[in-house]
Amino acid sequence: MKTSHSFDEQFHFQGKAKTWSLVLIVIGLIGILGGFALGYGERTFANLLLMGYYFTCVCICGVFFCAVQYVAQAGWSASILRIPQAFGKALPVAAVILLAIIFLGLSIHHTGINEYGKQTVLPYLYKGWSLSGVTTKGDPNYDHLIAAKSRFLNVPFFAIRLVLYLVSYAILGRLIVKYSENEDSLGGMFNYKKSFNVSVIFLVVFGFTIPLFAFDTIMSLEAQWFSTMFGWYNFAALWVGGLSVITYTIIKLRENGYVQWITEDHLHNLGQLIFGFSVFWTYLWFAQFLLTWYANIPEEAAYFYRRWEPQFIWWFWLNIVINFGGPLLVLMSRDSKRAVKVLKAACVMLILGHWLDYWQMIMPGATGPQAHWYNEIGPLEIAIFLGFAGLFMFTVLTALSKFKSLIPKKHPLLEESLHHHI
């Protein structure tokens, strides 16, 4: 059975999409410069870390999505792989930006209040463990808990780990894309098998390192606290947030006349994944919270106690309402997953919801409370979010425009995908 679709369709990144991406980047730059100029350096760095991490996680999700499809030898997804592959091509840019934010945050210092209320000279990021003298007995900044973790939490080893994680993800992701592009030119099974083998390696590396990536980048902001579930909780957020961005991107491309071979059946599958893993995210969120609340051990409960302060508690509960209640009410039925406008709205809700999820992981430990709950999220947060949204649009759509075809036209399971029906 043949199809009438053109397999030589290319994406052209121009017009309103390009203009808006550049406008959003400018808004973000103005927000960053304004944040530093007005004396909100710590809050600006925390927002940069949040968006750098979110940007990187979404791009990693693109590689993870492709790897899962290759290893599972899934047929339904063959025709949509170019979109997550574009995310993978943008990963090196995201990784460099995240590393720059982290290293600048560690290197640039300011006068501020440490964990014990003392005024001292602090780095803008990771002040809990990278503070000068924190591991030296007799120093005013000494902390015995941090000193016990100093073999792991020290700047050189921390930097090496982050570089290794991100370089390995970027290289393996690039290889998956390369072999897929080679497959379009050469046909046959040779490059497909290579994609399969590289995907297996990526999933092994990813499975062992993604919790450590979350521990280092986010959990170490509050280095006295730890949770063995935190890494998998972050993985669930990465997966749901990334799936939402992939699905939203596909819907917008369809609305603009591209990828018309992607049908409601493909979107239904993506909606199922979003719904199912939103429930998985909720399970991890609830398990981590409930066990900590029930045990009521002070050094564990401190993390949630901080998020129950008046300035944060409303955002804390809104996080679970959006990221669990939203998908539960909107995406549970079959019809809602097949209604493009409903699915698109759900994706927007979850993209914003998981921004809030990362926000509440980072801000209480990185900046502490502001004056009131409604001051916690303001123009600075919105501007930096919009700036990174524009940067994501620009890098991903530029990568997408470099593909000779928006479909892997010689993928061995392409016909199954083109005639996918559920």
Protein backbone atom coordinates (compact mmCIF):
# COMPACT_ATOMS: atom_id res chain seq x y z
CA MET A 1 0.00 0.00 0.00
CA LYS A 2 1.55 3.32 -1.09
CA THR A 3 1.05 6.83 0.23
CA SER A 4 0.64 10.16 -1.53
CA HIS A 5 2.95 12.08 0.79
CA SER A 6 6.10 13.80 -0.47
CA PHE A 7 9.15 12.41 1.27
CA ASP A 8 11.30 15.37 0.19
CA GLU A 9 9.48 17.96 2.31
CA GLN A 10 11.87 20.33 4.07
CA PHE A 11 11.23 22.81 6.83
CA HIS A 12 12.01 26.46 6.05
CA PHE A 13 12.83 28.52 9.12
CA GLN A 14 11.76 32.00 8.15
CA GLY A 15 9.00 34.58 8.52
CA LYS A 16 7.09 35.00 11.77
CA ALA A 17 8.67 32.01 13.50
CA LYS A 18 12.19 33.38 13.07
CA THR A 19 11.16 36.94 13.92
CA TRP A 20 9.36 35.89 17.09
CA SER A 21 12.23 33.70 18.24
CA LEU A 22 14.62 36.66 17.94
CA VAL A 23 12.17 39.03 19.66
CA LEU A 24 11.85 36.60 22.58
CA ILE A 25 15.64 36.25 22.85
CA VAL A 26 15.93 40.05 23.07
CA ILE A 27 13.25 40.13 25.81
CA GLY A 28 15.26 37.52 27.73
CA LEU A 29 18.51 39.49 27.37
CA ILE A 30 16.79 42.64 28.61
CA GLY A 31 15.44 40.70 31.59
CA ILE A 32 18.89 39.28 32.45
CA LEU A 33 20.64 42.65 32.16
CA GLY A 34 17.85 44.33 34.12
CA GLY A 35 18.07 41.71 36.86
CA PHE A 36 21.79 42.33 37.39
CA ALA A 37 21.48 46.11 37.01
CA LEU A 38 18.74 46.30 39.67
CA GLY A 39 20.72 44.24 42.17
CA TYR A 40 18.93 40.91 41.77
CA GLY A 41 22.06 38.98 40.85
CA GLU A 42 21.31 35.88 42.94
CA ARG A 43 17.74 35.66 41.69
CA THR A 44 18.88 36.21 38.09
CA PHE A 45 21.46 33.42 38.32
CA ALA A 46 18.86 31.10 39.87
CA ASN A 47 16.49 31.78 36.96
CA LEU A 48 19.29 31.24 34.45
CA LEU A 49 20.06 27.89 36.09
CA LEU A 50 16.38 26.95 36.01
CA MET A 51 15.97 27.72 32.32
CA GLY A 52 19.37 26.34 31.33
CA TYR A 53 18.49 23.09 33.07
CA TYR A 54 14.98 22.99 31.54
CA PHE A 55 16.35 23.70 28.03
CA THR A 56 18.96 20.96 28.43
CA CYS A 57 16.47 18.44 29.83
CA VAL A 58 14.06 18.96 26.92
CA CYS A 59 16.89 18.42 24.41
CA ILE A 60 18.05 15.29 26.29
CA CYS A 61 14.46 14.06 26.16
CA GLY A 62 14.60 14.29 22.36
CA VAL A 63 17.59 11.93 22.31
CA PHE A 64 15.98 9.64 24.89
CA PHE A 65 12.76 9.47 22.86
CA CYS A 66 14.66 8.43 19.72
CA ALA A 67 16.75 5.88 21.62
CA VAL A 68 13.68 4.26 23.18
CA GLN A 69 11.99 3.98 19.78
CA TYR A 70 15.05 2.36 18.18
CA VAL A 71 15.66 -0.11 21.02
CA ALA A 72 11.96 -1.04 21.18
CA GLN A 73 11.98 -1.33 17.36
CA ALA A 74 8.79 0.70 17.45
CA GLY A 75 7.06 1.24 14.12
CA TRP A 76 4.39 3.79 15.03
CA SER A 77 6.93 6.58 15.70
CA ALA A 78 9.17 6.23 12.63
CA SER A 79 7.54 9.14 10.78
CA ILE A 80 7.90 11.62 13.69
CA LEU A 81 11.56 11.00 14.58
CA ARG A 82 12.90 14.10 12.83
CA ILE A 83 11.36 16.39 15.46
CA PRO A 84 13.04 14.82 18.53
CA GLN A 85 16.20 14.40 16.44
CA ALA A 86 16.22 18.19 16.00
CA PHE A 87 16.08 18.47 19.80
CA GLY A 88 19.14 16.21 19.94
CA LYS A 89 20.99 18.40 17.43
CA ALA A 90 20.29 21.42 19.70
CA LEU A 91 21.63 19.60 22.79
CA PRO A 92 25.28 20.79 22.41
CA VAL A 93 24.09 24.42 22.44
CA ALA A 94 21.93 23.81 25.51
CA ALA A 95 24.77 21.96 27.27
CA VAL A 96 27.29 24.75 26.65
CA ILE A 97 24.82 27.36 27.96
CA LEU A 98 24.06 25.32 31.09
CA LEU A 99 27.76 24.75 31.82
CA ALA A 100 28.50 28.45 31.31
CA ILE A 101 25.73 29.42 33.75
CA ILE A 102 26.97 26.96 36.37
CA PHE A 103 30.65 27.86 36.08
CA LEU A 104 29.94 31.60 36.14
CA GLY A 105 27.63 31.11 39.13
CA LEU A 106 30.42 29.29 40.96
CA SER A 107 33.12 31.79 39.97
CA ILE A 108 31.41 35.15 40.55
CA HIS A 109 30.98 36.13 44.20
CA HIS A 110 28.93 38.66 46.10
CA THR A 111 28.25 39.65 49.71
CA GLY A 112 25.26 37.83 51.15
CA ILE A 113 23.81 35.72 53.94
CA ASN A 114 24.90 32.09 54.32
CA GLU A 115 22.83 29.12 55.56
CA TYR A 116 23.30 30.18 59.19
CA GLY A 117 22.35 33.83 58.79
CA LYS A 118 25.92 35.17 58.74
CA GLN A 119 26.98 37.81 56.22
CA THR A 120 29.90 36.63 54.13
CA VAL A 121 31.24 36.45 50.57
CA LEU A 122 29.24 33.88 48.59
CA PRO A 123 29.17 32.45 45.07
CA TYR A 124 25.91 33.11 43.23
CA LEU A 125 25.20 29.38 42.84
CA TYR A 126 25.83 26.36 45.09
CA LYS A 127 26.67 28.53 48.08
CA GLY A 128 25.90 25.64 50.44
CA TRP A 129 28.99 23.62 49.50
CA SER A 130 31.29 25.82 47.35
CA LEU A 131 31.58 28.58 49.95
CA SER A 132 35.17 29.32 50.96
CA GLY A 133 36.09 27.71 54.30
CA VAL A 134 33.01 25.51 54.52
CA THR A 135 35.16 22.37 54.87
CA THR A 136 37.91 23.92 57.06
CA LYS A 137 37.62 23.33 60.80
CA GLY A 138 37.77 26.55 62.77
CA ASP A 139 36.61 28.67 59.85
CA PRO A 140 33.42 30.72 60.55
CA ASN A 141 31.83 29.10 57.49
CA TYR A 142 32.67 25.52 58.54
CA ASP A 143 29.86 22.97 58.19
CA HIS A 144 30.56 19.41 59.34
CA LEU A 145 27.82 17.93 57.11
CA ILE A 146 29.26 19.54 54.00
CA ALA A 147 32.80 18.63 55.06
CA ALA A 148 31.74 14.96 55.17
CA LYS A 149 30.60 15.22 51.53
CA SER A 150 33.59 17.19 50.29
CA ARG A 151 35.19 14.28 48.40
CA PHE A 152 32.15 14.32 46.13
CA LEU A 153 31.06 17.95 46.38
CA ASN A 154 34.12 19.92 45.33
CA VAL A 155 34.37 22.22 42.33
CA PRO A 156 36.88 20.25 40.17
CA PHE A 157 35.10 16.89 40.52
CA PHE A 158 31.70 18.56 40.16
CA ALA A 159 32.78 20.26 36.92
CA ILE A 160 34.30 17.06 35.50
CA ARG A 161 31.11 15.09 36.19
CA LEU A 162 28.84 17.65 34.55
CA VAL A 163 31.02 17.87 31.46
CA LEU A 164 31.17 14.08 31.15
CA TYR A 165 27.38 13.69 31.47
CA LEU A 166 26.56 16.34 28.90
CA VAL A 167 29.32 15.48 26.42
CA SER A 168 28.32 11.80 26.45
CA TYR A 169 24.62 12.65 25.89
CA ALA A 170 25.48 15.09 23.08
CA ILE A 171 27.88 12.74 21.27
CA LEU A 172 25.56 9.73 21.42
CA GLY A 173 22.61 11.87 20.38
CA ARG A 174 24.57 13.24 17.43
CA LEU A 175 25.48 9.72 16.33
CA ILE A 176 21.81 8.64 16.38
CA VAL A 177 20.94 11.60 14.14
CA LYS A 178 23.95 11.00 11.86
CA TYR A 179 23.06 7.37 11.21
CA SER A 180 19.44 8.29 10.53
CA GLU A 181 20.54 10.86 7.95
CA ASN A 182 22.96 8.36 6.39
CA GLU A 183 20.09 5.89 6.17
CA ASP A 184 18.17 8.36 3.98
CA SER A 185 21.04 8.42 1.52
CA LEU A 186 22.12 4.78 1.53
CA GLY A 187 19.02 2.79 2.49
CA GLY A 188 19.33 -0.78 3.75
CA MET A 189 19.66 -1.97 7.35
CA PHE A 190 23.29 -1.03 8.03
CA ASN A 191 22.66 2.42 9.51
CA TYR A 192 19.46 1.33 11.24
CA LYS A 193 21.45 -1.32 13.10
CA LYS A 194 24.04 1.30 14.01
CA SER A 195 21.26 3.54 15.35
CA PHE A 196 19.99 0.58 17.39
CA ASN A 197 23.44 -0.13 18.87
CA VAL A 198 24.14 3.51 19.74
CA SER A 199 20.67 3.80 21.30
CA VAL A 200 21.40 0.81 23.55
CA ILE A 201 24.63 2.46 24.70
CA PHE A 202 22.85 5.78 25.25
CA LEU A 203 20.12 4.18 27.39
CA VAL A 204 22.69 2.40 29.56
CA VAL A 205 24.70 5.61 30.04
CA PHE A 206 21.55 7.68 30.54
CA GLY A 207 20.03 5.25 33.03
CA PHE A 208 23.09 5.28 35.28
CA THR A 209 23.89 8.99 35.04
CA ILE A 210 20.63 10.94 34.81
CA PRO A 211 19.96 10.67 38.58
CA LEU A 212 23.52 11.88 39.23
CA PHE A 213 22.99 14.75 36.79
CA ALA A 214 19.92 15.81 38.82
CA PHE A 215 21.76 15.32 42.14
CA ASP A 216 24.63 17.55 41.01
CA THR A 217 22.76 20.26 39.14
CA ILE A 218 19.69 20.70 41.35
CA MET A 219 19.82 18.73 44.62
CA SER A 220 23.27 20.07 45.56
CA LEU A 221 21.77 23.57 45.78
CA GLU A 222 20.65 22.35 49.21
CA ALA A 223 23.59 20.09 49.93
CA GLN A 224 22.69 19.23 53.52
CA TRP A 225 19.54 17.46 52.29
CA PHE A 226 19.35 14.37 50.11
CA SER A 227 16.75 12.03 48.65
CA THR A 228 17.45 8.83 46.72
CA MET A 229 14.16 9.39 44.83
CA PHE A 230 15.13 12.85 43.65
CA GLY A 231 16.95 11.64 40.53
CA TRP A 232 14.00 9.59 39.27
CA TYR A 233 11.60 12.37 40.16
CA ASN A 234 13.69 14.65 37.92
CA PHE A 235 13.74 12.00 35.20
CA ALA A 236 9.93 11.88 35.25
CA ALA A 237 9.80 15.68 34.97
CA LEU A 238 12.32 15.57 32.09
CA TRP A 239 10.27 12.94 30.25
CA VAL A 240 6.84 14.55 30.68
CA GLY A 241 8.10 18.06 30.01
CA GLY A 242 10.05 16.91 26.95
CA LEU A 243 7.14 14.87 25.57
CA SER A 244 4.90 17.92 25.95
CA VAL A 245 7.33 20.08 23.98
CA ILE A 246 7.75 17.39 21.27
CA THR A 247 3.97 17.06 20.92
CA TYR A 248 3.39 20.82 20.90
CA THR A 249 6.08 21.26 18.23
CA ILE A 250 4.47 18.59 16.04
CA ILE A 251 1.04 20.21 16.39
CA LYS A 252 2.42 23.64 15.45
CA LEU A 253 4.20 22.16 12.41
CA ARG A 254 0.95 20.49 11.31
CA GLU A 255 -0.91 23.78 11.72
CA ASN A 256 1.62 25.41 9.40
CA GLY A 257 1.20 22.80 6.68
CA TYR A 258 4.13 20.51 7.48
CA VAL A 259 4.24 16.79 8.47
CA GLN A 260 0.69 16.07 7.30
CA TRP A 261 1.44 12.35 7.49
CA ILE A 262 1.33 12.66 11.30
CA THR A 263 -2.26 11.81 12.19
CA GLU A 264 -4.53 11.83 15.22
CA ASP A 265 -3.38 8.27 15.86
CA HIS A 266 0.23 9.39 16.35
CA LEU A 267 -0.92 12.27 18.55
CA HIS A 268 -3.05 9.81 20.50
CA ASN A 269 0.07 7.76 21.28
CA LEU A 270 1.94 10.85 22.41
CA GLY A 271 -1.04 11.86 24.56
CA GLN A 272 -1.02 8.42 26.17
CA LEU A 273 2.66 8.77 27.02
CA ILE A 274 2.12 12.25 28.47
CA PHE A 275 -0.84 11.10 30.55
CA GLY A 276 0.80 7.88 31.76
CA PHE A 277 4.06 9.48 32.78
CA SER A 278 2.28 12.40 34.44
CA VAL A 279 0.81 9.78 36.77
CA PHE A 280 4.31 8.28 37.20
CA TRP A 281 5.68 11.76 38.04
CA THR A 282 2.89 12.14 40.62
CA TYR A 283 3.72 8.78 42.18
CA LEU A 284 7.35 9.84 42.68
CA TRP A 285 6.35 13.31 43.93
CA PHE A 286 3.91 11.83 46.44
CA ALA A 287 6.22 9.02 47.58
CA GLN A 288 9.08 11.43 48.23
CA PHE A 289 6.82 13.86 50.06
CA LEU A 290 4.77 11.34 52.06
CA LEU A 291 7.75 9.36 53.36
CA THR A 292 9.51 12.54 54.44
CA TRP A 293 6.39 13.92 56.11
CA TYR A 294 5.59 10.64 57.89
CA ALA A 295 9.14 10.02 59.17
CA ASN A 296 9.47 13.66 60.29
CA ILE A 297 13.26 13.47 60.58
CA PRO A 298 14.48 17.07 60.89
CA GLU A 299 17.34 16.90 58.39
CA GLU A 300 14.98 15.36 55.82
CA ALA A 301 11.90 17.46 56.57
CA ALA A 302 13.86 20.72 56.23
CA TYR A 303 13.53 20.57 52.43
CA PHE A 304 9.72 20.51 52.51
CA TYR A 305 9.49 22.77 55.55
CA ARG A 306 11.23 25.47 53.50
CA ARG A 307 8.68 25.01 50.71
CA TRP A 308 5.85 25.34 53.23
CA GLU A 309 6.87 28.86 54.15
CA PRO A 310 4.06 31.35 53.33
CA GLN A 311 5.91 32.67 50.28
CA PHE A 312 6.17 29.20 48.69
CA ILE A 313 3.30 27.03 49.91
CA TRP A 314 0.74 28.20 47.34
CA TRP A 315 3.18 27.51 44.51
CA PHE A 316 4.04 24.15 46.08
CA TRP A 317 0.43 22.96 45.94
CA LEU A 318 -0.24 24.57 42.56
CA ASN A 319 2.58 22.42 41.18
CA ILE A 320 0.76 19.17 42.00
CA VAL A 321 -2.61 20.56 40.89
CA ILE A 322 -1.29 21.48 37.43
CA ASN A 323 1.00 18.52 36.79
CA PHE A 324 -1.32 15.83 38.15
CA GLY A 325 -4.81 17.27 38.28
CA GLY A 326 -4.50 18.85 34.83
CA PRO A 327 -3.60 15.68 32.87
CA LEU A 328 -6.01 13.61 34.97
CA LEU A 329 -8.97 15.83 34.09
CA VAL A 330 -7.96 16.75 30.54
CA LEU A 331 -6.24 13.71 29.03
CA MET A 332 -7.84 10.66 30.61
CA SER A 333 -10.43 10.01 27.88
CA ARG A 334 -9.61 8.66 24.42
CA ASP A 335 -11.41 11.53 22.70
CA SER A 336 -9.38 14.21 24.46
CA LYS A 337 -6.11 12.67 23.28
CA ARG A 338 -7.41 12.77 19.71
CA ALA A 339 -8.76 16.33 19.88
CA VAL A 340 -5.81 18.38 18.64
CA LYS A 341 -6.83 21.63 20.34
CA VAL A 342 -7.31 19.87 23.69
CA LEU A 343 -3.98 18.07 23.42
CA LYS A 344 -2.25 21.31 22.43
CA ALA A 345 -3.73 23.12 25.46
CA ALA A 346 -2.64 20.23 27.72
CA CYS A 347 0.90 20.48 26.34
CA VAL A 348 1.06 24.22 27.06
CA MET A 349 -0.28 23.59 30.57
CA LEU A 350 2.37 20.93 31.26
CA ILE A 351 5.23 22.95 29.74
CA LEU A 352 4.37 25.75 32.18
CA GLY A 353 3.61 23.24 34.94
CA HIS A 354 7.02 21.63 34.76
CA TRP A 355 8.66 25.03 34.64
CA LEU A 356 6.92 25.59 37.99
CA ASP A 357 8.11 22.15 39.12
CA TYR A 358 11.75 23.05 38.41
CA TRP A 359 11.17 26.50 39.91
CA GLN A 360 10.09 25.07 43.26
CA MET A 361 13.06 22.67 43.23
CA ILE A 362 15.52 25.55 42.75
CA MET A 363 14.29 28.87 44.16
CA PRO A 364 13.70 28.15 47.87
CA GLY A 365 17.27 26.89 48.26
CA ALA A 366 18.97 29.24 45.81
CA THR A 367 17.38 32.57 46.73
CA GLY A 368 15.16 32.08 49.76
CA PRO A 369 11.75 33.72 50.18
CA GLN A 370 10.81 37.17 48.88
CA ALA A 371 8.45 39.54 50.69
CA HIS A 372 5.17 37.87 49.64
CA TRP A 373 4.09 34.81 47.67
CA TYR A 374 3.03 36.96 44.72
CA ASN A 375 6.54 38.49 44.55
CA GLU A 376 8.14 35.10 43.97
CA ILE A 377 7.26 34.96 40.27
CA GLY A 378 7.51 38.31 38.55
CA PRO A 379 8.75 40.12 35.44
CA LEU A 380 12.28 38.73 35.84
CA GLU A 381 11.10 35.11 35.76
CA ILE A 382 8.74 35.77 32.84
CA ALA A 383 11.39 37.60 30.78
CA ILE A 384 14.03 34.89 31.24
CA PHE A 385 11.48 32.17 30.47
CA LEU A 386 10.51 33.94 27.24
CA GLY A 387 14.15 34.46 26.33
CA PHE A 388 14.95 30.78 26.63
CA ALA A 389 11.74 29.87 24.80
CA GLY A 390 12.98 32.04 21.92
CA LEU A 391 16.43 30.48 22.10
CA PHE A 392 14.89 27.00 22.04
CA MET A 393 12.77 27.93 19.02
CA PHE A 394 15.75 29.36 17.18
CA THR A 395 18.15 26.44 17.81
CA VAL A 396 15.65 23.61 17.31
CA LEU A 397 13.96 25.07 14.23
CA THR A 398 17.36 25.90 12.73
CA ALA A 399 18.39 22.27 13.31
CA LEU A 400 15.11 21.05 11.81
CA SER A 401 15.66 23.16 8.70
CA LYS A 402 19.01 21.43 8.10
CA PHE A 403 17.36 18.04 7.47
CA LYS A 404 16.98 17.24 3.79
CA SER A 405 13.62 15.66 4.59
CA LEU A 406 11.21 15.99 7.52
CA ILE A 407 10.71 12.24 7.47
CA PRO A 408 13.32 9.45 7.70
CA LYS A 409 12.25 8.22 4.28
CA LYS A 410 14.25 4.98 4.27
CA HIS A 411 13.53 3.93 7.84
CA PRO A 412 12.68 0.19 7.61
CA LEU A 413 9.49 0.63 9.66
CA LEU A 414 8.25 3.78 7.93
CA GLU A 415 5.29 2.14 6.16
CA GLU A 416 4.02 0.84 9.50
CA SER A 417 4.14 4.38 10.88
CA LEU A 418 2.44 5.91 7.85
CA HIS A 419 -0.47 3.47 8.22
CA HIS A 420 -0.55 3.54 12.00
CA HIS A 421 -4.07 3.27 13.40
CA ILE A 422 -5.38 2.71 16.92
